[in-house]
Amino acid sequence: MNLKTLWTIILKTLGVYFLLHLIAAAGQLLAGLISIATIPMGASFLAYVLMPLVMFTIYLFIPLVLIFKSDWLIEKLKLAQGFEQERVDANINTGAAINIALIILGGYVFIDSAPVFFQQTFTYLQNGTDLPNNTGSGSLLIQLAKTIIGAFLVLKHQAVSQFIIKQGQANN
């Protein structure tokens, strides 16, 4: 495997990881937009709306570049230059490496979010409040989405890997 392929795998893996964190950023943006009507007097529009919107945009831009423009990024950052060896001794193709990365990332996200989701669900059921009236309902839904996406990445890693590879080839 050459260095460019190795960097491509690393960048695409980081892109999927950032994409998973986009869920939390989307939740914060949504909370900021919902709270526009209830912004306290003297509170900054910047803090409630603009900053979450900027954060969401950054979290959206970074994974798109890492996943779909990894070759461009490798060239611009000169990541494959300055190494003594042109090749890395690893007998694995790009698709298999992306599959492994998706399984690891999906497993990590699932393991990280599932216990929190179940704990928040248990607390919600103990309190007996309606979901819209529950102050932690946003966090509960974000943890549910992260748990589902983590499981999806583990269970459907081949389909996601094929999509990433196909889109990468279409953008080159």
C-alpha atoms as a PDB file:
ATOM      1  CA  MET A   1       0.000   0.000   0.000  1.00  0.00           C
ATOM      2  CA  ASN A   2       1.426   3.400  -0.870  1.00  0.00           C
ATOM      3  CA  LEU A   3       1.403   6.376   1.469  1.00  0.00           C
ATOM      4  CA  LYS A   4      -1.342   8.176  -0.424  1.00  0.00           C
ATOM      5  CA  THR A   5      -3.683   5.210   0.065  1.00  0.00           C
ATOM      6  CA  LEU A   6      -2.837   5.072   3.766  1.00  0.00           C
ATOM      7  CA  TRP A   7      -3.550   8.792   4.177  1.00  0.00           C
ATOM      8  CA  THR A   8      -6.790   8.385   2.227  1.00  0.00           C
ATOM      9  CA  ILE A   9      -7.941   5.683   4.636  1.00  0.00           C
ATOM     10  CA  ILE A  10      -6.991   7.767   7.679  1.00  0.00           C
ATOM     11  CA  LEU A  11      -8.715  10.908   6.368  1.00  0.00           C
ATOM     12  CA  LYS A  12     -11.904   9.086   5.391  1.00  0.00           C
ATOM     13  CA  THR A  13     -12.013   7.442   8.826  1.00  0.00           C
ATOM     14  CA  LEU A  14     -11.639  10.812  10.524  1.00  0.00           C
ATOM     15  CA  GLY A  15     -14.358  12.188   8.239  1.00  0.00           C
ATOM     16  CA  VAL A  16     -16.831   9.502   9.306  1.00  0.00           C
ATOM     17  CA  TYR A  17     -15.916  10.199  12.947  1.00  0.00           C
ATOM     18  CA  PHE A  18     -16.596  13.929  12.487  1.00  0.00           C
ATOM     19  CA  LEU A  19     -19.854  13.100  10.713  1.00  0.00           C
ATOM     20  CA  LEU A  20     -20.989  11.167  13.773  1.00  0.00           C
ATOM     21  CA  HIS A  21     -20.344  14.218  15.940  1.00  0.00           C
ATOM     22  CA  LEU A  22     -22.493  16.251  13.570  1.00  0.00           C
ATOM     23  CA  ILE A  23     -25.534  14.811  15.356  1.00  0.00           C
ATOM     24  CA  ALA A  24     -24.649  16.612  18.590  1.00  0.00           C
ATOM     25  CA  ALA A  25     -23.927  19.808  16.672  1.00  0.00           C
ATOM     26  CA  ALA A  26     -27.301  19.546  14.913  1.00  0.00           C
ATOM     27  CA  GLY A  27     -28.992  19.177  18.287  1.00  0.00           C
ATOM     28  CA  GLN A  28     -27.297  22.307  19.605  1.00  0.00           C
ATOM     29  CA  LEU A  29     -28.225  24.239  16.463  1.00  0.00           C
ATOM     30  CA  LEU A  30     -31.828  23.114  16.748  1.00  0.00           C
ATOM     31  CA  ALA A  31     -31.932  24.082  20.427  1.00  0.00           C
ATOM     32  CA  GLY A  32     -30.492  27.489  19.552  1.00  0.00           C
ATOM     33  CA  LEU A  33     -33.054  28.067  16.816  1.00  0.00           C
ATOM     34  CA  ILE A  34     -35.942  26.942  19.015  1.00  0.00           C
ATOM     35  CA  SER A  35     -34.806  29.226  21.810  1.00  0.00           C
ATOM     36  CA  ILE A  36     -34.877  32.341  19.605  1.00  0.00           C
ATOM     37  CA  ALA A  37     -38.366  33.147  20.853  1.00  0.00           C
ATOM     38  CA  THR A  38     -37.288  32.832  24.467  1.00  0.00           C
ATOM     39  CA  ILE A  39     -33.960  34.659  24.345  1.00  0.00           C
ATOM     40  CA  PRO A  40     -33.624  36.591  27.611  1.00  0.00           C
ATOM     41  CA  MET A  41     -33.349  40.362  27.424  1.00  0.00           C
ATOM     42  CA  GLY A  42     -29.749  41.416  27.001  1.00  0.00           C
ATOM     43  CA  ALA A  43     -28.704  38.001  25.756  1.00  0.00           C
ATOM     44  CA  SER A  44     -26.590  37.852  22.687  1.00  0.00           C
ATOM     45  CA  PHE A  45     -28.072  36.724  19.377  1.00  0.00           C
ATOM     46  CA  LEU A  46     -24.511  35.615  18.607  1.00  0.00           C
ATOM     47  CA  ALA A  47     -24.453  33.128  21.484  1.00  0.00           C
ATOM     48  CA  TYR A  48     -27.874  31.626  20.808  1.00  0.00           C
ATOM     49  CA  VAL A  49     -28.022  31.411  17.023  1.00  0.00           C
ATOM     50  CA  LEU A  50     -24.889  32.446  15.203  1.00  0.00           C
ATOM     51  CA  MET A  51     -22.353  30.338  17.120  1.00  0.00           C
ATOM     52  CA  PRO A  52     -24.350  27.085  16.853  1.00  0.00           C
ATOM     53  CA  LEU A  53     -24.869  27.788  13.134  1.00  0.00           C
ATOM     54  CA  VAL A  54     -21.129  28.377  12.595  1.00  0.00           C
ATOM     55  CA  MET A  55     -20.290  25.256  14.595  1.00  0.00           C
ATOM     56  CA  PHE A  56     -22.761  23.168  12.583  1.00  0.00           C
ATOM     57  CA  THR A  57     -21.344  24.501   9.303  1.00  0.00           C
ATOM     58  CA  ILE A  58     -17.800  23.633  10.363  1.00  0.00           C
ATOM     59  CA  TYR A  59     -18.873  20.182  11.512  1.00  0.00           C
ATOM     60  CA  LEU A  60     -20.572  19.667   8.141  1.00  0.00           C
ATOM     61  CA  PHE A  61     -17.701  21.032   6.045  1.00  0.00           C
ATOM     62  CA  ILE A  62     -14.889  19.049   7.707  1.00  0.00           C
ATOM     63  CA  PRO A  63     -16.328  15.549   7.139  1.00  0.00           C
ATOM     64  CA  LEU A  64     -17.365  16.347   3.577  1.00  0.00           C
ATOM     65  CA  VAL A  65     -13.801  17.408   2.743  1.00  0.00           C
ATOM     66  CA  LEU A  66     -12.245  14.485   4.624  1.00  0.00           C
ATOM     67  CA  ILE A  67     -14.498  11.859   3.033  1.00  0.00           C
ATOM     68  CA  PHE A  68     -15.064  13.139  -0.490  1.00  0.00           C
ATOM     69  CA  LYS A  69     -12.017  15.342  -1.167  1.00  0.00           C
ATOM     70  CA  SER A  70      -9.301  13.342   0.587  1.00  0.00           C
ATOM     71  CA  ASP A  71      -7.030  13.219  -2.490  1.00  0.00           C
ATOM     72  CA  TRP A  72      -7.205  17.001  -2.841  1.00  0.00           C
ATOM     73  CA  LEU A  73      -6.442  17.410   0.864  1.00  0.00           C
ATOM     74  CA  ILE A  74      -3.463  15.042   0.662  1.00  0.00           C
ATOM     75  CA  GLU A  75      -2.030  17.064  -2.217  1.00  0.00           C
ATOM     76  CA  LYS A  76      -2.641  20.472  -0.580  1.00  0.00           C
ATOM     77  CA  LEU A  77      -1.208  19.436   2.797  1.00  0.00           C
ATOM     78  CA  LYS A  78       1.593  17.408   1.140  1.00  0.00           C
ATOM     79  CA  LEU A  79       0.911  14.508   3.489  1.00  0.00           C
ATOM     80  CA  ALA A  80       2.523  11.851   1.305  1.00  0.00           C
ATOM     81  CA  GLN A  81       5.746  13.809   0.831  1.00  0.00           C
ATOM     82  CA  GLY A  82       8.833  13.814   3.022  1.00  0.00           C
ATOM     83  CA  PHE A  83       8.866  10.103   3.862  1.00  0.00           C
ATOM     84  CA  GLU A  84      11.818   7.876   3.065  1.00  0.00           C
ATOM     85  CA  GLN A  85       9.611   5.001   1.987  1.00  0.00           C
ATOM     86  CA  GLU A  86       6.975   5.340  -0.703  1.00  0.00           C
ATOM     87  CA  ARG A  87       5.176   2.189   0.378  1.00  0.00           C
ATOM     88  CA  VAL A  88       3.823   0.891   3.660  1.00  0.00           C
ATOM     89  CA  ASP A  89       4.003  -2.856   4.104  1.00  0.00           C
ATOM     90  CA  ALA A  90       0.369  -3.705   4.661  1.00  0.00           C
ATOM     91  CA  ASN A  91      -1.394  -6.196   2.485  1.00  0.00           C
ATOM     92  CA  ILE A  92      -4.904  -4.743   2.697  1.00  0.00           C
ATOM     93  CA  ASN A  93      -6.993  -2.941   0.112  1.00  0.00           C
ATOM     94  CA  THR A  94      -8.753   0.384   0.634  1.00  0.00           C
ATOM     95  CA  GLY A  95     -12.244  -1.123   0.872  1.00  0.00           C
ATOM     96  CA  ALA A  96     -11.219  -3.570   3.603  1.00  0.00           C
ATOM     97  CA  ALA A  97      -9.474  -0.820   5.554  1.00  0.00           C
ATOM     98  CA  ILE A  98     -12.523   1.439   5.349  1.00  0.00           C
ATOM     99  CA  ASN A  99     -14.727  -1.491   6.446  1.00  0.00           C
ATOM    100  CA  ILE A 100     -12.511  -2.047   9.490  1.00  0.00           C
ATOM    101  CA  ALA A 101     -12.535   1.660  10.304  1.00  0.00           C
ATOM    102  CA  LEU A 102     -16.341   1.826  10.012  1.00  0.00           C
ATOM    103  CA  ILE A 103     -16.764  -1.175  12.298  1.00  0.00           C
ATOM    104  CA  ILE A 104     -14.418   0.324  14.891  1.00  0.00           C
ATOM    105  CA  LEU A 105     -16.027   3.780  14.720  1.00  0.00           C
ATOM    106  CA  GLY A 106     -19.564   2.386  14.734  1.00  0.00           C
ATOM    107  CA  GLY A 107     -18.736   0.125  17.664  1.00  0.00           C
ATOM    108  CA  TYR A 108     -17.179   3.016  19.552  1.00  0.00           C
ATOM    109  CA  VAL A 109     -20.175   5.282  18.967  1.00  0.00           C
ATOM    110  CA  PHE A 110     -22.608   2.519  19.921  1.00  0.00           C
ATOM    111  CA  ILE A 111     -20.696   1.619  23.086  1.00  0.00           C
ATOM    112  CA  ASP A 112     -20.339   5.301  23.971  1.00  0.00           C
ATOM    113  CA  SER A 113     -23.985   6.300  23.420  1.00  0.00           C
ATOM    114  CA  ALA A 114     -26.117   3.212  24.178  1.00  0.00           C
ATOM    115  CA  PRO A 115     -25.563   3.212  27.983  1.00  0.00           C
ATOM    116  CA  VAL A 116     -26.286   6.945  28.150  1.00  0.00           C
ATOM    117  CA  PHE A 117     -29.439   6.469  26.078  1.00  0.00           C
ATOM    118  CA  PHE A 118     -30.675   3.616  28.278  1.00  0.00           C
ATOM    119  CA  GLN A 119     -29.884   5.557  31.454  1.00  0.00           C
ATOM    120  CA  GLN A 120     -31.732   8.640  30.168  1.00  0.00           C
ATOM    121  CA  THR A 121     -34.672   6.484  29.051  1.00  0.00           C
ATOM    122  CA  PHE A 122     -34.836   4.886  32.489  1.00  0.00           C
ATOM    123  CA  THR A 123     -34.778   8.319  34.142  1.00  0.00           C
ATOM    124  CA  TYR A 124     -37.482   9.558  31.759  1.00  0.00           C
ATOM    125  CA  LEU A 125     -39.702   6.576  32.584  1.00  0.00           C
ATOM    126  CA  GLN A 126     -39.143   7.094  36.318  1.00  0.00           C
ATOM    127  CA  ASN A 127     -40.135  10.757  36.123  1.00  0.00           C
ATOM    128  CA  GLY A 128     -43.245   9.992  34.076  1.00  0.00           C
ATOM    129  CA  THR A 129     -43.226  13.328  32.246  1.00  0.00           C
ATOM    130  CA  ASP A 130     -44.272  13.793  28.648  1.00  0.00           C
ATOM    131  CA  LEU A 131     -41.382  13.817  26.203  1.00  0.00           C
ATOM    132  CA  PRO A 132     -41.956  17.400  25.000  1.00  0.00           C
ATOM    133  CA  ASN A 133     -42.109  18.622  28.628  1.00  0.00           C
ATOM    134  CA  ASN A 134     -38.982  16.718  29.630  1.00  0.00           C
ATOM    135  CA  THR A 135     -35.960  19.025  29.803  1.00  0.00           C
ATOM    136  CA  GLY A 136     -33.625  16.197  28.810  1.00  0.00           C
ATOM    137  CA  SER A 137     -35.620  15.068  25.777  1.00  0.00           C
ATOM    138  CA  GLY A 138     -33.181  16.661  23.320  1.00  0.00           C
ATOM    139  CA  SER A 139     -30.257  14.796  24.804  1.00  0.00           C
ATOM    140  CA  LEU A 140     -32.296  11.591  24.887  1.00  0.00           C
ATOM    141  CA  LEU A 141     -33.086  11.882  21.173  1.00  0.00           C
ATOM    142  CA  ILE A 142     -29.473  12.701  20.291  1.00  0.00           C
ATOM    143  CA  GLN A 143     -28.267   9.628  22.195  1.00  0.00           C
ATOM    144  CA  LEU A 144     -30.903   7.519  20.422  1.00  0.00           C
ATOM    145  CA  ALA A 145     -29.734   8.794  17.031  1.00  0.00           C
ATOM    146  CA  LYS A 146     -26.080   8.137  17.901  1.00  0.00           C
ATOM    147  CA  THR A 147     -26.932   4.612  19.100  1.00  0.00           C
ATOM    148  CA  ILE A 148     -28.841   3.834  15.896  1.00  0.00           C
ATOM    149  CA  ILE A 149     -26.085   5.258  13.678  1.00  0.00           C
ATOM    150  CA  GLY A 150     -23.395   3.330  15.581  1.00  0.00           C
ATOM    151  CA  ALA A 151     -25.334   0.095  15.125  1.00  0.00           C
ATOM    152  CA  PHE A 152     -25.981   0.953  11.459  1.00  0.00           C
ATOM    153  CA  LEU A 153     -22.255   1.484  10.796  1.00  0.00           C
ATOM    154  CA  VAL A 154     -21.417  -1.877  12.327  1.00  0.00           C
ATOM    155  CA  LEU A 155     -24.231  -3.771  10.617  1.00  0.00           C
ATOM    156  CA  LYS A 156     -24.099  -2.074   7.190  1.00  0.00           C
ATOM    157  CA  HIS A 157     -20.391  -1.247   6.986  1.00  0.00           C
ATOM    158  CA  GLN A 158     -20.011  -2.704   3.502  1.00  0.00           C
ATOM    159  CA  ALA A 159     -22.764  -0.554   1.996  1.00  0.00           C
ATOM    160  CA  VAL A 160     -21.362   2.587   3.639  1.00  0.00           C
ATOM    161  CA  SER A 161     -17.846   1.675   2.505  1.00  0.00           C
ATOM    162  CA  GLN A 162     -18.990   1.147  -1.082  1.00  0.00           C
ATOM    163  CA  PHE A 163     -20.781   4.510  -1.005  1.00  0.00           C
ATOM    164  CA  ILE A 164     -17.667   6.287   0.308  1.00  0.00           C
ATOM    165  CA  ILE A 165     -15.423   4.657  -2.301  1.00  0.00           C
ATOM    166  CA  LYS A 166     -17.903   5.346  -5.133  1.00  0.00           C
ATOM    167  CA  GLN A 167     -18.262   9.003  -4.139  1.00  0.00           C
ATOM    168  CA  GLY A 168     -14.497   9.364  -3.812  1.00  0.00           C
ATOM    169  CA  GLN A 169     -14.001   8.000  -7.314  1.00  0.00           C
ATOM    170  CA  ALA A 170     -16.742  10.230  -8.723  1.00  0.00           C
ATOM    171  CA  ASN A 171     -15.085  13.321  -7.230  1.00  0.00           C
ATOM    172  CA  ASN A 172     -11.666  12.532  -8.725  1.00  0.00           C
END
